[in-house]
């Protein structure tokens, strides 16, 4: 990636080659500060491809799967690697909305699950000196 954001055509080309033409409906989800995300369908699954400069970030996403549970959903990471001048990760796509878009009634319905998720986080082991679980 080398500081240049990955474009939709580049992501679609990479996915087409990587999955021998089976990747369908590639579309841009938008860019964060550290990566660009693209949704796509592969063999009936909704997935996300993210491209960024730092593969270590995607490796942390993969490691976080160990903490997944009923109250702490973590998208499944299927693969990580190098592509398009940087790093990439392919993961399960999860659907939702931004919390700041919720009205009062939706907040009231969400709050118990959100509090359970925060409680699950509270019970995770503290990171060790290298940033991983102790």
Foldseek 3Di string as FASTA:
>chain_A
DVPDADDQVNVVVVVCVVQVNQKADWDWPQDDPFWTKIWTDGPRFIKIKIWGADQVVVVVLQVCVVLDDPLAHRWHWDDKDDDDNHIMTMTGDDDDDDPVVDDPVVCVVCVVSVVSNVVSVVPAADADPVRHHD
